[in-house]
C-alpha atoms as a PDB file:
ATOM      1  CA  MET A   1      81.368  93.197 106.802  1.00  0.00           C
ATOM      2  CA  THR A   2      84.410  93.034 109.021  1.00  0.00           C
ATOM      3  CA  ASP A   3      88.019  93.486 107.981  1.00  0.00           C
ATOM      4  CA  THR A   4      88.811  89.857 108.904  1.00  0.00           C
ATOM      5  CA  THR A   5      86.707  88.516 105.999  1.00  0.00           C
ATOM      6  CA  ARG A   6      88.528  90.632 103.422  1.00  0.00           C
ATOM      7  CA  PRO A   7      91.754  89.377 101.834  1.00  0.00           C
ATOM      8  CA  GLU A   8      94.841  91.507 102.350  1.00  0.00           C
ATOM      9  CA  LEU A   9      95.464  93.959  99.515  1.00  0.00           C
ATOM     10  CA  PRO A  10      98.531  92.926  97.486  1.00  0.00           C
ATOM     11  CA  ASP A  11     101.485  95.148  96.652  1.00  0.00           C
ATOM     12  CA  HIS A  12     100.822  94.767  92.899  1.00  0.00           C
ATOM     13  CA  LEU A  13      97.290  94.365  91.498  1.00  0.00           C
ATOM     14  CA  SER A  14      95.747  94.479  88.026  1.00  0.00           C
ATOM     15  CA  ILE A  15      92.107  94.462  86.872  1.00  0.00           C
ATOM     16  CA  ASP A  16      93.003  92.550  83.686  1.00  0.00           C
ATOM     17  CA  PRO A  17      92.115  88.837  84.145  1.00  0.00           C
ATOM     18  CA  ARG A  18      94.967  87.860  81.768  1.00  0.00           C
ATOM     19  CA  SER A  19      97.558  89.447  84.051  1.00  0.00           C
ATOM     20  CA  PRO A  20      99.524  87.362  86.579  1.00  0.00           C
ATOM     21  CA  HIS A  21      98.748  90.104  89.126  1.00  0.00           C
ATOM     22  CA  PHE A  22      94.960  89.623  88.920  1.00  0.00           C
ATOM     23  CA  VAL A  23      93.319  88.348  92.142  1.00  0.00           C
ATOM     24  CA  ALA A  24      89.585  87.661  91.732  1.00  0.00           C
ATOM     25  CA  ALA A  25      88.908  87.505  95.497  1.00  0.00           C
ATOM     26  CA  ILE A  26      89.976  91.148  95.887  1.00  0.00           C
ATOM     27  CA  PHE A  27      87.371  92.375  93.377  1.00  0.00           C
ATOM     28  CA  GLU A  28      84.504  90.837  95.338  1.00  0.00           C
ATOM     29  CA  HIS A  29      84.943  93.864  97.637  1.00  0.00           C
ATOM     30  CA  ASP A  30      84.889  97.569  96.828  1.00  0.00           C
ATOM     31  CA  ILE A  31      88.462  98.912  96.775  1.00  0.00           C
ATOM     32  CA  GLY A  32      89.876 102.365  96.212  1.00  0.00           C
ATOM     33  CA  ILE A  33      93.218 103.779  95.091  1.00  0.00           C
ATOM     34  CA  ARG A  34      94.619 107.040  96.402  1.00  0.00           C
ATOM     35  CA  PHE A  35      97.372 108.504  94.207  1.00  0.00           C
ATOM     36  CA  ASN A  36      99.340 111.500  95.533  1.00  0.00           C
ATOM     37  CA  GLY A  37      96.576 112.202  98.044  1.00  0.00           C
ATOM     38  CA  LYS A  38      93.657 112.105  95.569  1.00  0.00           C
ATOM     39  CA  GLU A  39      91.315 109.182  95.052  1.00  0.00           C
ATOM     40  CA  ARG A  40      91.350 107.840  91.469  1.00  0.00           C
ATOM     41  CA  ALA A  41      88.628 105.727  89.872  1.00  0.00           C
ATOM     42  CA  ASP A  42      90.373 105.023  86.550  1.00  0.00           C
ATOM     43  CA  VAL A  43      93.327 102.925  87.771  1.00  0.00           C
ATOM     44  CA  GLU A  44      93.883  99.705  85.781  1.00  0.00           C
ATOM     45  CA  GLU A  45      96.998  98.486  87.646  1.00  0.00           C
ATOM     46  CA  TYR A  46      99.114  99.623  90.580  1.00  0.00           C
ATOM     47  CA  CYS A  47     102.295  98.798  92.477  1.00  0.00           C
ATOM     48  CA  ILE A  48     102.674 100.275  95.948  1.00  0.00           C
ATOM     49  CA  SER A  49     106.348  99.405  96.547  1.00  0.00           C
ATOM     50  CA  GLU A  50     107.511 100.849  93.199  1.00  0.00           C
ATOM     51  CA  GLY A  51     105.119 103.828  93.451  1.00  0.00           C
ATOM     52  CA  TRP A  52     103.234 103.759  90.136  1.00  0.00           C
ATOM     53  CA  ILE A  53      99.777 103.344  88.636  1.00  0.00           C
ATOM     54  CA  LYS A  54      98.628 102.640  85.086  1.00  0.00           C
ATOM     55  CA  VAL A  55      95.673 104.569  83.695  1.00  0.00           C
ATOM     56  CA  PRO A  56      94.123 104.622  80.192  1.00  0.00           C
ATOM     57  CA  ALA A  57      95.383 107.342  77.838  1.00  0.00           C
ATOM     58  CA  GLY A  58      92.013 108.806  76.892  1.00  0.00           C
ATOM     59  CA  LYS A  59      90.161 106.926  74.158  1.00  0.00           C
ATOM     60  CA  THR A  60      93.332 105.769  72.399  1.00  0.00           C
ATOM     61  CA  VAL A  61      93.463 102.025  71.715  1.00  0.00           C
ATOM     62  CA  ASP A  62      96.038  99.666  70.282  1.00  0.00           C
ATOM     63  CA  ARG A  63      95.427  97.488  67.212  1.00  0.00           C
ATOM     64  CA  LYS A  64      93.840  94.773  69.368  1.00  0.00           C
ATOM     65  CA  GLY A  65      91.314  97.218  70.845  1.00  0.00           C
ATOM     66  CA  ASN A  66      92.928  97.469  74.299  1.00  0.00           C
ATOM     67  CA  PRO A  67      93.368 100.966  75.751  1.00  0.00           C
ATOM     68  CA  LEU A  68      96.870 102.412  75.743  1.00  0.00           C
ATOM     69  CA  MET A  69      98.182 102.894  79.276  1.00  0.00           C
ATOM     70  CA  LEU A  70     100.085 105.735  80.899  1.00  0.00           C
ATOM     71  CA  LYS A  71     102.365 104.912  83.821  1.00  0.00           C
ATOM     72  CA  LEU A  72     102.255 107.643  86.473  1.00  0.00           C
ATOM     73  CA  LYS A  73     104.716 107.703  89.365  1.00  0.00           C
ATOM     74  CA  GLY A  74     103.958 108.940  92.857  1.00  0.00           C
ATOM     75  CA  LYS A  75     102.650 107.843  96.248  1.00  0.00           C
ATOM     76  CA  VAL A  76     100.125 104.984  95.950  1.00  0.00           C
ATOM     77  CA  GLU A  77      97.728 103.812  98.656  1.00  0.00           C
ATOM     78  CA  ALA A  78      95.179 100.993  98.263  1.00  0.00           C
ATOM     79  CA  PHE A  79      92.251 100.638 100.659  1.00  0.00           C
ATOM     80  CA  TYR A  80      88.851  99.029 101.104  1.00  0.00           C
ATOM     81  CA  LYS A  81      85.896 101.399 100.914  1.00  0.00           C
END
């Protein structure tokens, strides 16, 4: 697959379909997130320009059953694998 068939990665992306930052076309391809130089597989949401990612806080859930999120700040890079 060539890079011309892939959509451009947005500045802000979420894996939650209820979020306004969810883009289904992006998830048809395998993407990766590098945070402070290390690749992370547990990222739920990211923003490159503001420099943060959201990851689940262990097995802790809220009263609706959604995982609680931690917001970590640092250098964020998104890329296609």
